Each structure stands twice: as C-alpha cells, then as structure tokens.
C-alpha cells in the first residue's frame, strides 16, 4: 500500500499575491510570502530573518512570490503597530463576519475558515494575549497577535 500526498485544496486568491503585497505595503505594512507548513497550511515564511524586516527597507521584488502559497504580514512596529485579533472558531467567526462585515473593518478569512480582524494598537506595543471560551459548548479562542 502506498501513501498518497495531496496539495491542500485552497481557493485561489482573487488577485496575485505580489499585487496584494504591494497594496499592503502601501498601507504601511510589511508583507511576506508564505509557503506550506508540514500540516499543509500556508503559514511558513519564505524569507529569512522576516522579523527583522522594516517597511522602509523592504524590497518586494526580491521576495520569492512565484513560489508563495499565501501572504503574511509582520505585525507590530514594523507595520505601524498592526495587530490581529485571531478568532479560532468557525461559529464565532461566522457571527463576527455577520456583525462587523459591513462596517468597513478589515476582516480576513484564513484557510481554516477562521478569521482575523486587523487593528492598529494606539498604546505602547503589546505582547499579545489569548482567551479561551466555550461557544454553545464548542471550544473557541480569541488571540491578540501583536509582534512578529
């Protein structure tokens, strides 16, 4: 019996990743190309020392966008104090999208059908935090991802 491997079934992005990266860079963010992890999710940075990248010194053309499977953003001071509220529950994410989706708040759905709410921290740089809940008996967590 042979073991078969399959590429994850991920919906194609609406625009090429480098175009998205260029738009993110115009927002003042530091975008990076991502490859697949061992679990088959596009979460692995394809550039070395990505936490040391700065907005001013970023050369998007030098990054391996052709081999990228996703796009990430370096959080924290490099991206104008960008942080992400990471919602790791499909039912909670669905409720958030229904409630906030029409308000112009930046919402991004992950490959796991969870979600990110993009926020800018106005106080001193945060180290992040994580809260776990039960939502109708289903475990759910909300993380504030603030650096890296």
N, C-alpha and C. Protein backbone atom coordinates (compact mmCIF):
# COMPACT_ATOMS: atom_id res chain seq x y z
N UNK A 1 0.84 -1.18 0.00
CA UNK A 1 0.00 0.00 0.00
C UNK A 1 0.89 1.24 0.00
N UNK A 2 0.65 2.15 -0.91
CA UNK A 2 1.44 3.37 -0.97
C UNK A 2 0.65 4.53 -0.38
N UNK A 3 1.39 5.40 0.20
CA UNK A 3 0.76 6.58 0.80
C UNK A 3 0.72 7.69 -0.24
N UNK A 4 -0.43 8.28 -0.44
CA UNK A 4 -0.57 9.37 -1.39
C UNK A 4 -0.49 10.70 -0.66
N UNK A 5 0.09 11.67 -1.31
CA UNK A 5 0.10 13.02 -0.75
C UNK A 5 -0.66 13.93 -1.70
N UNK A 6 -1.35 14.87 -1.16
CA UNK A 6 -2.14 15.79 -1.95
C UNK A 6 -1.86 17.21 -1.50
N UNK A 7 -1.85 18.11 -2.44
CA UNK A 7 -1.77 19.54 -2.12
C UNK A 7 -3.09 19.93 -1.44
N UNK A 8 -3.06 20.77 -0.46
CA UNK A 8 -4.31 21.22 0.17
C UNK A 8 -5.21 21.90 -0.86
N UNK A 9 -6.48 21.76 -0.68
CA UNK A 9 -7.45 22.40 -1.56
C UNK A 9 -7.73 23.80 -1.02
N UNK A 10 -7.03 24.75 -1.57
CA UNK A 10 -7.15 26.13 -1.11
C UNK A 10 -7.66 26.97 -2.27
N UNK A 11 -8.64 27.79 -1.98
CA UNK A 11 -9.20 28.67 -3.00
C UNK A 11 -8.14 29.62 -3.51
N UNK A 12 -8.08 29.78 -4.82
CA UNK A 12 -7.12 30.71 -5.42
C UNK A 12 -7.41 32.14 -4.97
N UNK A 13 -6.37 32.93 -4.70
CA UNK A 13 -6.60 34.32 -4.31
C UNK A 13 -7.26 35.10 -5.44
N UNK A 14 -7.96 36.15 -5.06
CA UNK A 14 -8.67 36.97 -6.04
C UNK A 14 -7.72 37.81 -6.89
N UNK A 15 -6.52 38.09 -6.38
CA UNK A 15 -5.51 38.81 -7.13
C UNK A 15 -4.17 38.16 -6.85
N UNK A 16 -3.19 38.31 -7.75
CA UNK A 16 -1.87 37.72 -7.50
C UNK A 16 -1.29 38.20 -6.16
N UNK A 17 -0.58 37.31 -5.49
CA UNK A 17 -0.06 37.64 -4.15
C UNK A 17 0.84 38.86 -4.15
N UNK A 18 1.65 39.02 -5.17
CA UNK A 18 2.55 40.18 -5.19
C UNK A 18 1.75 41.48 -5.29
N UNK A 19 0.63 41.46 -6.02
CA UNK A 19 -0.21 42.65 -6.09
C UNK A 19 -0.81 42.96 -4.71
N UNK A 20 -1.25 41.93 -4.02
CA UNK A 20 -1.76 42.12 -2.66
C UNK A 20 -0.66 42.66 -1.75
N UNK A 21 0.55 42.10 -1.88
CA UNK A 21 1.68 42.55 -1.07
C UNK A 21 1.98 44.02 -1.34
N UNK A 22 1.91 44.43 -2.59
CA UNK A 22 2.16 45.84 -2.95
C UNK A 22 1.12 46.73 -2.29
N UNK A 23 -0.13 46.31 -2.33
CA UNK A 23 -1.21 47.09 -1.69
C UNK A 23 -0.97 47.17 -0.18
N UNK A 24 -0.64 46.02 0.44
CA UNK A 24 -0.37 46.02 1.88
C UNK A 24 0.80 46.94 2.21
N UNK A 25 1.84 46.93 1.37
CA UNK A 25 2.99 47.80 1.61
C UNK A 25 2.58 49.27 1.54
N UNK A 26 1.67 49.59 0.64
CA UNK A 26 1.16 50.97 0.54
C UNK A 26 0.39 51.37 1.80
N UNK A 27 -0.18 50.39 2.51
CA UNK A 27 -0.87 50.67 3.78
C UNK A 27 0.14 50.97 4.90
N UNK A 28 1.43 50.69 4.64
CA UNK A 28 2.44 50.86 5.68
C UNK A 28 2.79 49.56 6.36
N UNK A 29 2.33 48.44 5.82
CA UNK A 29 2.58 47.13 6.41
C UNK A 29 3.78 46.47 5.75
N UNK A 30 4.30 45.40 6.40
CA UNK A 30 5.42 44.62 5.88
C UNK A 30 4.90 43.23 5.50
N UNK A 31 4.55 43.03 4.22
CA UNK A 31 4.05 41.73 3.77
C UNK A 31 5.19 40.77 3.44
N UNK A 32 4.95 39.46 3.65
CA UNK A 32 5.95 38.44 3.32
C UNK A 32 5.25 37.26 2.64
N UNK A 33 5.98 36.57 1.73
CA UNK A 33 5.42 35.39 1.10
C UNK A 33 5.47 34.19 2.05
N UNK A 34 4.44 33.35 1.97
CA UNK A 34 4.35 32.17 2.82
C UNK A 34 4.30 30.90 1.98
N UNK A 35 4.89 29.84 2.52
CA UNK A 35 4.80 28.51 1.92
C UNK A 35 4.04 27.59 2.85
N UNK A 36 3.86 26.35 2.41
CA UNK A 36 3.11 25.39 3.22
C UNK A 36 3.92 24.90 4.42
N UNK A 37 3.22 24.70 5.54
CA UNK A 37 3.80 24.04 6.71
C UNK A 37 3.71 22.53 6.50
N UNK A 38 4.22 21.76 7.43
CA UNK A 38 4.09 20.30 7.36
C UNK A 38 2.63 19.86 7.41
N UNK A 39 1.77 20.70 7.99
CA UNK A 39 0.35 20.41 8.08
C UNK A 39 -0.40 20.83 6.81
N UNK A 40 0.32 21.39 5.83
CA UNK A 40 -0.29 21.76 4.56
C UNK A 40 -0.99 23.10 4.56
N UNK A 41 -0.66 23.97 5.51
CA UNK A 41 -1.27 25.30 5.56
C UNK A 41 -0.23 26.35 5.17
N UNK A 42 -0.63 27.37 4.42
CA UNK A 42 0.33 28.41 4.00
C UNK A 42 0.63 29.38 5.14
N UNK A 43 1.51 28.96 6.04
CA UNK A 43 1.86 29.77 7.20
C UNK A 43 3.37 29.90 7.41
N UNK A 44 4.19 29.27 6.57
CA UNK A 44 5.64 29.24 6.76
C UNK A 44 6.29 30.38 5.97
N UNK A 45 6.95 31.33 6.66
CA UNK A 45 7.63 32.41 5.96
C UNK A 45 8.69 31.88 4.99
N UNK A 46 8.73 32.42 3.78
CA UNK A 46 9.70 32.01 2.77
C UNK A 46 10.93 32.91 2.74
N UNK A 47 10.99 33.89 3.62
CA UNK A 47 12.16 34.77 3.70
C UNK A 47 12.83 34.59 5.05
N UNK A 48 14.15 34.67 5.04
CA UNK A 48 14.91 34.54 6.29
C UNK A 48 14.87 35.86 7.06
N UNK A 49 14.98 35.75 8.35
CA UNK A 49 15.02 36.92 9.24
C UNK A 49 13.84 37.85 9.00
N UNK A 50 12.67 37.27 8.78
CA UNK A 50 11.48 38.07 8.46
C UNK A 50 11.08 39.00 9.59
N UNK A 51 11.42 38.65 10.84
CA UNK A 51 11.06 39.53 11.96
C UNK A 51 11.93 40.79 11.99
N UNK A 52 13.04 40.78 11.23
CA UNK A 52 13.92 41.95 11.18
C UNK A 52 13.59 42.89 10.03
N UNK A 53 12.65 42.51 9.17
CA UNK A 53 12.31 43.36 8.03
C UNK A 53 11.69 44.67 8.49
N UNK A 54 11.95 45.72 7.73
CA UNK A 54 11.34 47.02 8.02
C UNK A 54 10.59 47.50 6.79
N UNK A 55 9.64 48.37 7.00
CA UNK A 55 8.85 48.90 5.89
C UNK A 55 9.73 49.68 4.92
N UNK A 56 10.60 50.51 5.46
CA UNK A 56 11.42 51.38 4.64
C UNK A 56 12.41 50.60 3.78
N UNK A 57 12.97 49.52 4.30
CA UNK A 57 13.98 48.77 3.56
C UNK A 57 13.43 47.59 2.78
N UNK A 58 12.14 47.45 2.70
CA UNK A 58 11.53 46.27 2.09
C UNK A 58 11.64 46.30 0.56
N UNK A 59 12.15 45.21 -0.01
CA UNK A 59 12.25 45.07 -1.47
C UNK A 59 11.34 43.92 -1.88
N UNK A 60 10.11 44.25 -2.23
CA UNK A 60 9.13 43.22 -2.60
C UNK A 60 9.57 42.42 -3.82
N UNK A 61 10.30 43.06 -4.74
CA UNK A 61 10.73 42.37 -5.96
C UNK A 61 11.76 41.27 -5.66
N UNK A 62 12.46 41.38 -4.55
CA UNK A 62 13.48 40.39 -4.21
C UNK A 62 12.90 39.17 -3.48
N UNK A 63 11.62 39.21 -3.17
CA UNK A 63 11.00 38.11 -2.43
C UNK A 63 10.46 37.04 -3.38
N UNK A 64 10.42 35.77 -2.92
CA UNK A 64 10.00 34.65 -3.77
C UNK A 64 8.48 34.51 -3.92
N UNK A 65 7.84 35.48 -4.57
CA UNK A 65 6.38 35.45 -4.71
C UNK A 65 5.92 34.34 -5.64
N UNK A 66 6.74 33.96 -6.63
CA UNK A 66 6.32 32.92 -7.56
C UNK A 66 6.09 31.58 -6.86
N UNK A 67 6.85 31.29 -5.83
CA UNK A 67 6.69 30.03 -5.10
C UNK A 67 5.77 30.15 -3.89
N UNK A 68 5.21 31.33 -3.66
CA UNK A 68 4.39 31.56 -2.47
C UNK A 68 3.02 30.90 -2.59
N UNK A 69 2.51 30.44 -1.46
CA UNK A 69 1.18 29.85 -1.38
C UNK A 69 0.23 30.72 -0.56
N UNK A 70 0.78 31.77 0.04
CA UNK A 70 -0.02 32.68 0.84
C UNK A 70 0.78 33.93 1.13
N UNK A 71 0.14 34.83 1.87
CA UNK A 71 0.80 36.09 2.21
C UNK A 71 0.60 36.33 3.70
N UNK A 72 1.66 36.78 4.36
CA UNK A 72 1.58 37.14 5.76
C UNK A 72 1.99 38.59 5.92
N UNK A 73 1.77 39.11 7.10
CA UNK A 73 2.17 40.48 7.42
C UNK A 73 2.92 40.44 8.74
N UNK A 74 4.10 41.06 8.77
CA UNK A 74 4.86 41.17 10.02
C UNK A 74 4.11 42.14 10.91
N UNK A 75 3.75 41.68 12.09
CA UNK A 75 2.95 42.51 12.99
C UNK A 75 3.84 43.38 13.88
N UNK A 76 3.23 44.39 14.47
CA UNK A 76 3.94 45.24 15.41
C UNK A 76 4.46 46.51 14.78
N UNK A 77 5.53 47.03 15.37
CA UNK A 77 6.02 48.35 14.97
C UNK A 77 6.45 48.41 13.50
N UNK A 78 6.92 47.28 12.91
CA UNK A 78 7.33 47.31 11.51
C UNK A 78 6.16 47.65 10.58
N UNK A 79 4.95 47.33 11.02
CA UNK A 79 3.75 47.56 10.20
C UNK A 79 2.82 48.56 10.88
N UNK A 80 3.41 49.64 11.40
CA UNK A 80 2.65 50.73 12.02
C UNK A 80 1.74 50.24 13.15
N UNK A 81 2.28 49.37 14.01
CA UNK A 81 1.57 48.81 15.18
C UNK A 81 0.35 47.98 14.80
N UNK A 82 0.42 47.35 13.62
CA UNK A 82 -0.66 46.46 13.22
C UNK A 82 -0.69 45.24 14.13
N UNK A 83 -1.88 44.90 14.58
CA UNK A 83 -2.12 43.69 15.37
C UNK A 83 -3.31 42.96 14.75
N UNK A 84 -3.45 41.72 15.11
CA UNK A 84 -4.55 40.92 14.58
C UNK A 84 -5.28 40.27 15.74
N UNK A 85 -6.59 40.39 15.73
CA UNK A 85 -7.42 39.60 16.64
C UNK A 85 -7.72 38.32 15.88
N UNK A 86 -7.19 37.21 16.37
CA UNK A 86 -7.25 35.91 15.71
C UNK A 86 -8.39 35.10 16.33
N UNK A 87 -9.40 34.79 15.55
CA UNK A 87 -10.57 34.07 16.05
C UNK A 87 -10.51 32.64 15.54
N UNK A 88 -10.27 31.70 16.44
CA UNK A 88 -10.08 30.29 16.09
C UNK A 88 -11.32 29.45 16.34
N UNK A 89 -12.43 29.89 15.81
CA UNK A 89 -13.69 29.16 15.94
C UNK A 89 -14.55 29.51 14.74
N UNK A 90 -14.98 28.49 14.00
CA UNK A 90 -15.81 28.76 12.82
C UNK A 90 -17.13 29.43 13.21
N UNK A 91 -17.88 28.93 14.23
CA UNK A 91 -19.14 29.61 14.56
C UNK A 91 -18.95 31.05 15.04
N UNK A 92 -17.92 31.28 15.84
CA UNK A 92 -17.66 32.64 16.31
C UNK A 92 -17.26 33.54 15.14
N UNK A 93 -16.43 33.03 14.24
CA UNK A 93 -16.02 33.81 13.08
C UNK A 93 -17.22 34.15 12.20
N UNK A 94 -18.12 33.20 12.01
CA UNK A 94 -19.33 33.47 11.21
C UNK A 94 -20.15 34.60 11.85
N UNK A 95 -20.25 34.57 13.18
CA UNK A 95 -21.00 35.62 13.88
C UNK A 95 -20.30 36.98 13.74
N UNK A 96 -18.98 36.98 13.83
CA UNK A 96 -18.22 38.23 13.68
C UNK A 96 -18.40 38.79 12.28
N UNK A 97 -18.29 37.95 11.25
CA UNK A 97 -18.47 38.42 9.88
C UNK A 97 -19.86 39.02 9.68
N UNK A 98 -20.86 38.36 10.23
CA UNK A 98 -22.23 38.86 10.08
C UNK A 98 -22.41 40.20 10.79
N UNK A 99 -21.73 40.38 11.92
CA UNK A 99 -21.89 41.60 12.70
C UNK A 99 -21.02 42.76 12.21
N UNK A 100 -19.79 42.47 11.81
CA UNK A 100 -18.84 43.53 11.51
C UNK A 100 -18.54 43.69 10.02
N UNK A 101 -18.94 42.73 9.22
CA UNK A 101 -18.55 42.71 7.81
C UNK A 101 -18.95 43.93 7.01
N UNK A 102 -20.03 44.58 7.37
CA UNK A 102 -20.49 45.73 6.58
C UNK A 102 -20.05 47.07 7.16
N UNK A 103 -19.21 47.05 8.19
CA UNK A 103 -18.78 48.29 8.83
C UNK A 103 -17.47 48.84 8.28
N UNK A 104 -16.88 48.16 7.31
CA UNK A 104 -15.61 48.63 6.75
C UNK A 104 -14.41 48.23 7.57
N UNK A 105 -14.60 47.35 8.54
CA UNK A 105 -13.48 46.84 9.35
C UNK A 105 -12.77 45.77 8.52
N UNK A 106 -11.43 45.74 8.58
CA UNK A 106 -10.67 44.78 7.79
C UNK A 106 -10.79 43.40 8.41
N UNK A 107 -11.50 42.51 7.72
CA UNK A 107 -11.69 41.13 8.14
C UNK A 107 -11.04 40.22 7.09
N UNK A 108 -10.27 39.24 7.55
CA UNK A 108 -9.61 38.31 6.64
C UNK A 108 -9.91 36.89 7.08
N UNK A 109 -10.42 36.08 6.15
CA UNK A 109 -10.70 34.68 6.47
C UNK A 109 -9.45 33.86 6.20
N UNK A 110 -9.14 32.94 7.14
CA UNK A 110 -7.96 32.10 7.00
C UNK A 110 -8.32 30.83 6.24
N UNK A 111 -7.29 30.04 5.89
CA UNK A 111 -7.52 28.78 5.17
C UNK A 111 -8.26 27.77 6.03
N UNK A 112 -8.33 28.00 7.34
CA UNK A 112 -9.04 27.10 8.26
C UNK A 112 -10.48 27.54 8.48
N UNK A 113 -10.94 28.53 7.70
CA UNK A 113 -12.28 29.12 7.86
C UNK A 113 -12.44 29.80 9.22
N UNK A 114 -11.33 30.22 9.79
CA UNK A 114 -11.34 31.06 10.98
C UNK A 114 -11.12 32.48 10.49
N UNK A 115 -10.82 33.41 11.39
CA UNK A 115 -10.68 34.76 10.89
C UNK A 115 -9.73 35.64 11.66
N UNK A 116 -9.35 36.72 11.00
CA UNK A 116 -8.51 37.76 11.58
C UNK A 116 -9.22 39.09 11.43
N UNK A 117 -9.19 39.87 12.51
CA UNK A 117 -9.64 41.26 12.48
C UNK A 117 -8.39 42.11 12.61
N UNK A 118 -8.11 42.95 11.62
CA UNK A 118 -6.92 43.78 11.63
C UNK A 118 -7.20 45.05 12.41
N UNK A 119 -6.34 45.34 13.39
CA UNK A 119 -6.47 46.53 14.22
C UNK A 119 -5.10 47.20 14.35
N UNK A 120 -5.11 48.49 14.66
CA UNK A 120 -3.87 49.21 14.94
C UNK A 120 -3.87 49.57 16.42
N UNK A 121 -2.82 49.15 17.09
CA UNK A 121 -2.71 49.47 18.52
C UNK A 121 -2.34 50.93 18.68
N UNK A 122 -3.00 51.60 19.61
CA UNK A 122 -2.73 53.02 19.83
C UNK A 122 -1.87 53.26 21.07
N UNK A 123 -1.76 52.27 21.92
CA UNK A 123 -0.94 52.39 23.12
C UNK A 123 0.43 51.78 22.86
N UNK A 124 1.22 51.65 23.92
CA UNK A 124 2.54 51.04 23.80
C UNK A 124 2.40 49.63 23.23
N UNK A 125 3.46 49.17 22.62
CA UNK A 125 3.47 47.87 21.95
C UNK A 125 3.04 46.74 22.90
N UNK A 126 2.11 45.93 22.45
CA UNK A 126 1.56 44.84 23.24
C UNK A 126 2.33 43.55 23.00
N UNK A 127 2.30 42.66 23.97
CA UNK A 127 2.90 41.35 23.79
C UNK A 127 1.85 40.35 23.32
N UNK A 128 0.62 40.76 23.23
CA UNK A 128 -0.45 39.85 22.81
C UNK A 128 -1.06 39.14 23.99
N UNK A 129 -2.15 38.41 23.71
CA UNK A 129 -2.83 37.65 24.76
C UNK A 129 -3.74 36.62 24.11
N UNK A 130 -4.20 35.68 24.92
CA UNK A 130 -5.10 34.65 24.41
C UNK A 130 -6.18 34.38 25.45
N UNK A 131 -7.41 34.28 24.98
CA UNK A 131 -8.55 33.95 25.83
C UNK A 131 -9.27 32.76 25.22
N UNK A 132 -9.65 31.81 26.05
CA UNK A 132 -10.38 30.63 25.59
C UNK A 132 -11.79 30.64 26.16
N UNK A 133 -12.74 30.20 25.35
CA UNK A 133 -14.14 30.22 25.72
C UNK A 133 -14.83 28.94 25.25
N UNK A 134 -16.04 28.74 25.73
CA UNK A 134 -16.94 27.75 25.16
C UNK A 134 -18.07 28.53 24.50
N UNK A 135 -18.33 28.26 23.24
CA UNK A 135 -19.38 28.90 22.49
C UNK A 135 -20.41 27.83 22.16
N UNK A 136 -21.53 27.83 22.88
CA UNK A 136 -22.52 26.76 22.75
C UNK A 136 -21.89 25.39 22.92
N UNK A 137 -20.97 25.28 23.88
CA UNK A 137 -20.31 24.02 24.18
C UNK A 137 -19.12 23.70 23.28
N UNK A 138 -18.82 24.55 22.32
CA UNK A 138 -17.71 24.33 21.38
C UNK A 138 -16.54 25.21 21.81
N UNK A 139 -15.34 24.61 21.99
CA UNK A 139 -14.18 25.43 22.37
C UNK A 139 -13.88 26.49 21.32
N UNK A 140 -13.59 27.69 21.77
CA UNK A 140 -13.23 28.80 20.90
C UNK A 140 -12.14 29.61 21.59
N UNK A 141 -11.25 30.18 20.80
CA UNK A 141 -10.23 31.05 21.40
C UNK A 141 -10.12 32.31 20.57
N UNK A 142 -9.76 33.38 21.27
CA UNK A 142 -9.50 34.67 20.62
C UNK A 142 -8.12 35.11 21.09
N UNK A 143 -7.22 35.33 20.13
CA UNK A 143 -5.85 35.75 20.42
C UNK A 143 -5.64 37.15 19.89
N UNK A 144 -4.87 37.95 20.63
CA UNK A 144 -4.37 39.21 20.10
C UNK A 144 -2.93 38.94 19.70
N UNK A 145 -2.66 38.92 18.40
CA UNK A 145 -1.32 38.69 17.88
C UNK A 145 -0.73 40.06 17.57
N UNK A 146 0.39 40.38 18.25
CA UNK A 146 0.85 41.76 18.18
C UNK A 146 2.28 41.94 17.69
N UNK A 147 3.11 40.93 17.72
CA UNK A 147 4.51 41.09 17.33
C UNK A 147 4.96 39.92 16.50
N UNK A 148 5.60 40.22 15.37
CA UNK A 148 6.16 39.14 14.53
C UNK A 148 5.23 38.67 13.46
